[in-house]
Amino acid sequence: MALFVEKIKADSGFELCGRMIRDGDSLLVFIDEVGRFTIPGVVLTSVLLGLGTGLISGPVEGVVRLSESGKGFYMDIGGVSYASPVERVRAVMRGDQRKGPVSRVR
């Protein structure tokens, strides 16, 4: 009888649920079944520089912040956390990429 080893991949804790695009100096965030949110350029810049949190405008008020490591861009909207890698946010704002992913944090 042959033995085998089964590897179970650990769940990442993130579920892809939206996208973000650049709109002038602002960042537009589209979250499936929730709505469209705007992060003004001034707020986005201060958050990416690590100067604190900022407000998100949309159908539900929210807050945007950096992770403790500085690699994650978190949006807390209506009691749910959403995230995107900081490098993808910067690439979208520079114009290197047209859109970036937004994931729900489980």
C-alpha atoms as a PDB file:
ATOM      1  CA  MET A   1       0.000   0.000   0.000  1.00  0.00           C
ATOM      2  CA  ALA A   2       1.445   3.389  -1.012  1.00  0.00           C
ATOM      3  CA  LEU A   3       1.430   6.298   1.377  1.00  0.00           C
ATOM      4  CA  PHE A   4       0.795   9.839   0.278  1.00  0.00           C
ATOM      5  CA  VAL A   5       1.019  13.256   1.865  1.00  0.00           C
ATOM      6  CA  GLU A   6      -1.817  15.689   1.462  1.00  0.00           C
ATOM      7  CA  LYS A   7      -0.976  19.373   1.698  1.00  0.00           C
ATOM      8  CA  ILE A   8      -3.774  21.708   2.590  1.00  0.00           C
ATOM      9  CA  LYS A   9      -3.188  25.293   1.599  1.00  0.00           C
ATOM     10  CA  ALA A  10      -3.959  27.745   4.365  1.00  0.00           C
ATOM     11  CA  ASP A  11      -6.713  30.254   3.660  1.00  0.00           C
ATOM     12  CA  SER A  12      -5.243  33.692   2.970  1.00  0.00           C
ATOM     13  CA  GLY A  13      -7.960  35.562   4.865  1.00  0.00           C
ATOM     14  CA  PHE A  14      -8.698  37.842   1.891  1.00  0.00           C
ATOM     15  CA  GLU A  15     -11.540  37.588  -0.625  1.00  0.00           C
ATOM     16  CA  LEU A  16     -11.369  39.614  -3.854  1.00  0.00           C
ATOM     17  CA  CYS A  17     -14.478  41.816  -3.965  1.00  0.00           C
ATOM     18  CA  GLY A  18     -13.748  45.006  -5.890  1.00  0.00           C
ATOM     19  CA  ARG A  19     -11.358  47.290  -7.732  1.00  0.00           C
ATOM     20  CA  MET A  20      -9.903  50.773  -7.613  1.00  0.00           C
ATOM     21  CA  ILE A  21      -9.081  53.277 -10.340  1.00  0.00           C
ATOM     22  CA  ARG A  22      -7.591  56.746 -10.501  1.00  0.00           C
ATOM     23  CA  ASP A  23      -9.853  59.727 -11.108  1.00  0.00           C
ATOM     24  CA  GLY A  24      -7.639  62.817 -11.383  1.00  0.00           C
ATOM     25  CA  ASP A  25      -6.024  63.236  -7.965  1.00  0.00           C
ATOM     26  CA  SER A  26      -8.600  60.998  -6.250  1.00  0.00           C
ATOM     27  CA  LEU A  27      -8.894  57.253  -5.914  1.00  0.00           C
ATOM     28  CA  LEU A  28     -12.260  55.658  -6.765  1.00  0.00           C
ATOM     29  CA  VAL A  29     -12.980  52.382  -5.008  1.00  0.00           C
ATOM     30  CA  PHE A  30     -15.731  50.080  -6.302  1.00  0.00           C
ATOM     31  CA  ILE A  31     -16.814  47.356  -3.880  1.00  0.00           C
ATOM     32  CA  ASP A  32     -19.199  44.744  -5.244  1.00  0.00           C
ATOM     33  CA  GLU A  33     -22.725  44.955  -3.770  1.00  0.00           C
ATOM     34  CA  VAL A  34     -21.671  47.851  -1.478  1.00  0.00           C
ATOM     35  CA  GLY A  35     -21.037  50.849  -3.721  1.00  0.00           C
ATOM     36  CA  ARG A  36     -18.590  53.426  -5.005  1.00  0.00           C
ATOM     37  CA  PHE A  37     -16.297  55.330  -2.649  1.00  0.00           C
ATOM     38  CA  THR A  38     -14.000  58.309  -3.189  1.00  0.00           C
ATOM     39  CA  ILE A  39     -10.716  58.969  -1.422  1.00  0.00           C
ATOM     40  CA  PRO A  40      -9.605  62.561  -2.159  1.00  0.00           C
ATOM     41  CA  GLY A  41      -5.976  63.080  -3.206  1.00  0.00           C
ATOM     42  CA  VAL A  42      -5.082  65.104  -0.104  1.00  0.00           C
ATOM     43  CA  VAL A  43      -6.388  62.361   2.203  1.00  0.00           C
ATOM     44  CA  LEU A  44      -4.716  59.637   0.146  1.00  0.00           C
ATOM     45  CA  THR A  45      -1.341  61.401   0.243  1.00  0.00           C
ATOM     46  CA  SER A  46      -1.407  61.912   4.007  1.00  0.00           C
ATOM     47  CA  VAL A  47      -2.382  58.277   4.629  1.00  0.00           C
ATOM     48  CA  LEU A  48       0.300  56.916   2.266  1.00  0.00           C
ATOM     49  CA  LEU A  49       2.888  59.079   4.032  1.00  0.00           C
ATOM     50  CA  GLY A  50       1.850  57.483   7.327  1.00  0.00           C
ATOM     51  CA  LEU A  51       0.449  60.675   8.838  1.00  0.00           C
ATOM     52  CA  GLY A  52      -2.737  59.082  10.178  1.00  0.00           C
ATOM     53  CA  THR A  53      -6.178  58.075   8.989  1.00  0.00           C
ATOM     54  CA  GLY A  54      -8.586  59.755   6.583  1.00  0.00           C
ATOM     55  CA  LEU A  55     -12.273  59.725   5.721  1.00  0.00           C
ATOM     56  CA  ILE A  56     -13.843  57.975   2.738  1.00  0.00           C
ATOM     57  CA  SER A  57     -16.964  59.423   1.138  1.00  0.00           C
ATOM     58  CA  GLY A  58     -19.621  57.191  -0.353  1.00  0.00           C
ATOM     59  CA  PRO A  59     -22.970  55.588   0.433  1.00  0.00           C
ATOM     60  CA  VAL A  60     -21.540  54.571   3.836  1.00  0.00           C
ATOM     61  CA  GLU A  61     -18.914  56.594   5.709  1.00  0.00           C
ATOM     62  CA  GLY A  62     -15.556  54.943   6.166  1.00  0.00           C
ATOM     63  CA  VAL A  63     -11.981  55.386   7.309  1.00  0.00           C
ATOM     64  CA  VAL A  64      -8.778  54.644   5.408  1.00  0.00           C
ATOM     65  CA  ARG A  65      -5.490  53.717   7.111  1.00  0.00           C
ATOM     66  CA  LEU A  66      -2.167  51.952   6.638  1.00  0.00           C
ATOM     67  CA  SER A  67      -1.337  48.615   8.229  1.00  0.00           C
ATOM     68  CA  GLU A  68       1.226  48.490  11.011  1.00  0.00           C
ATOM     69  CA  SER A  69       3.838  47.166   8.568  1.00  0.00           C
ATOM     70  CA  GLY A  70       3.061  49.919   6.063  1.00  0.00           C
ATOM     71  CA  LYS A  71       2.460  47.378   3.268  1.00  0.00           C
ATOM     72  CA  GLY A  72      -1.329  47.210   3.489  1.00  0.00           C
ATOM     73  CA  PHE A  73      -3.869  49.907   2.618  1.00  0.00           C
ATOM     74  CA  TYR A  74      -7.004  49.294   4.708  1.00  0.00           C
ATOM     75  CA  MET A  75     -10.493  50.738   4.299  1.00  0.00           C
ATOM     76  CA  ASP A  76     -12.931  50.247   7.175  1.00  0.00           C
ATOM     77  CA  ILE A  77     -16.407  50.743   5.720  1.00  0.00           C
ATOM     78  CA  GLY A  78     -19.649  49.940   7.519  1.00  0.00           C
ATOM     79  CA  GLY A  79     -17.982  47.626  10.026  1.00  0.00           C
ATOM     80  CA  VAL A  80     -16.150  45.614   7.346  1.00  0.00           C
ATOM     81  CA  SER A  81     -12.444  45.892   6.530  1.00  0.00           C
ATOM     82  CA  TYR A  82     -11.207  45.950   2.945  1.00  0.00           C
ATOM     83  CA  ALA A  83      -7.553  45.914   1.903  1.00  0.00           C
ATOM     84  CA  SER A  84      -5.211  46.445  -1.006  1.00  0.00           C
ATOM     85  CA  PRO A  85      -1.404  46.349  -1.228  1.00  0.00           C
ATOM     86  CA  VAL A  86       0.133  49.820  -0.852  1.00  0.00           C
ATOM     87  CA  GLU A  87       2.330  49.227  -3.911  1.00  0.00           C
ATOM     88  CA  ARG A  88      -0.752  48.620  -6.070  1.00  0.00           C
ATOM     89  CA  VAL A  89      -2.371  51.830  -4.776  1.00  0.00           C
ATOM     90  CA  ARG A  90       0.786  53.768  -5.647  1.00  0.00           C
ATOM     91  CA  ALA A  91       1.022  52.115  -9.094  1.00  0.00           C
ATOM     92  CA  VAL A  92      -2.586  53.083  -9.881  1.00  0.00           C
ATOM     93  CA  MET A  93      -2.022  56.679  -8.733  1.00  0.00           C
ATOM     94  CA  ARG A  94       1.219  56.947 -10.769  1.00  0.00           C
ATOM     95  CA  GLY A  95      -0.593  55.659 -13.837  1.00  0.00           C
ATOM     96  CA  ASP A  96       1.573  52.531 -14.129  1.00  0.00           C
ATOM     97  CA  GLN A  97      -1.528  50.358 -13.764  1.00  0.00           C
ATOM     98  CA  ARG A  98      -5.072  51.174 -14.801  1.00  0.00           C
ATOM     99  CA  LYS A  99      -6.777  49.416 -11.883  1.00  0.00           C
ATOM    100  CA  GLY A 100      -5.967  47.551  -8.678  1.00  0.00           C
ATOM    101  CA  PRO A 101      -7.630  44.884  -6.532  1.00  0.00           C
ATOM    102  CA  VAL A 102      -9.689  45.411  -3.394  1.00  0.00           C
ATOM    103  CA  SER A 103     -10.199  42.451  -1.052  1.00  0.00           C
ATOM    104  CA  ARG A 104     -12.513  41.862   1.886  1.00  0.00           C
ATOM    105  CA  VAL A 105     -10.645  40.904   5.066  1.00  0.00           C
ATOM    106  CA  ARG A 106     -12.229  37.818   6.653  1.00  0.00           C
END
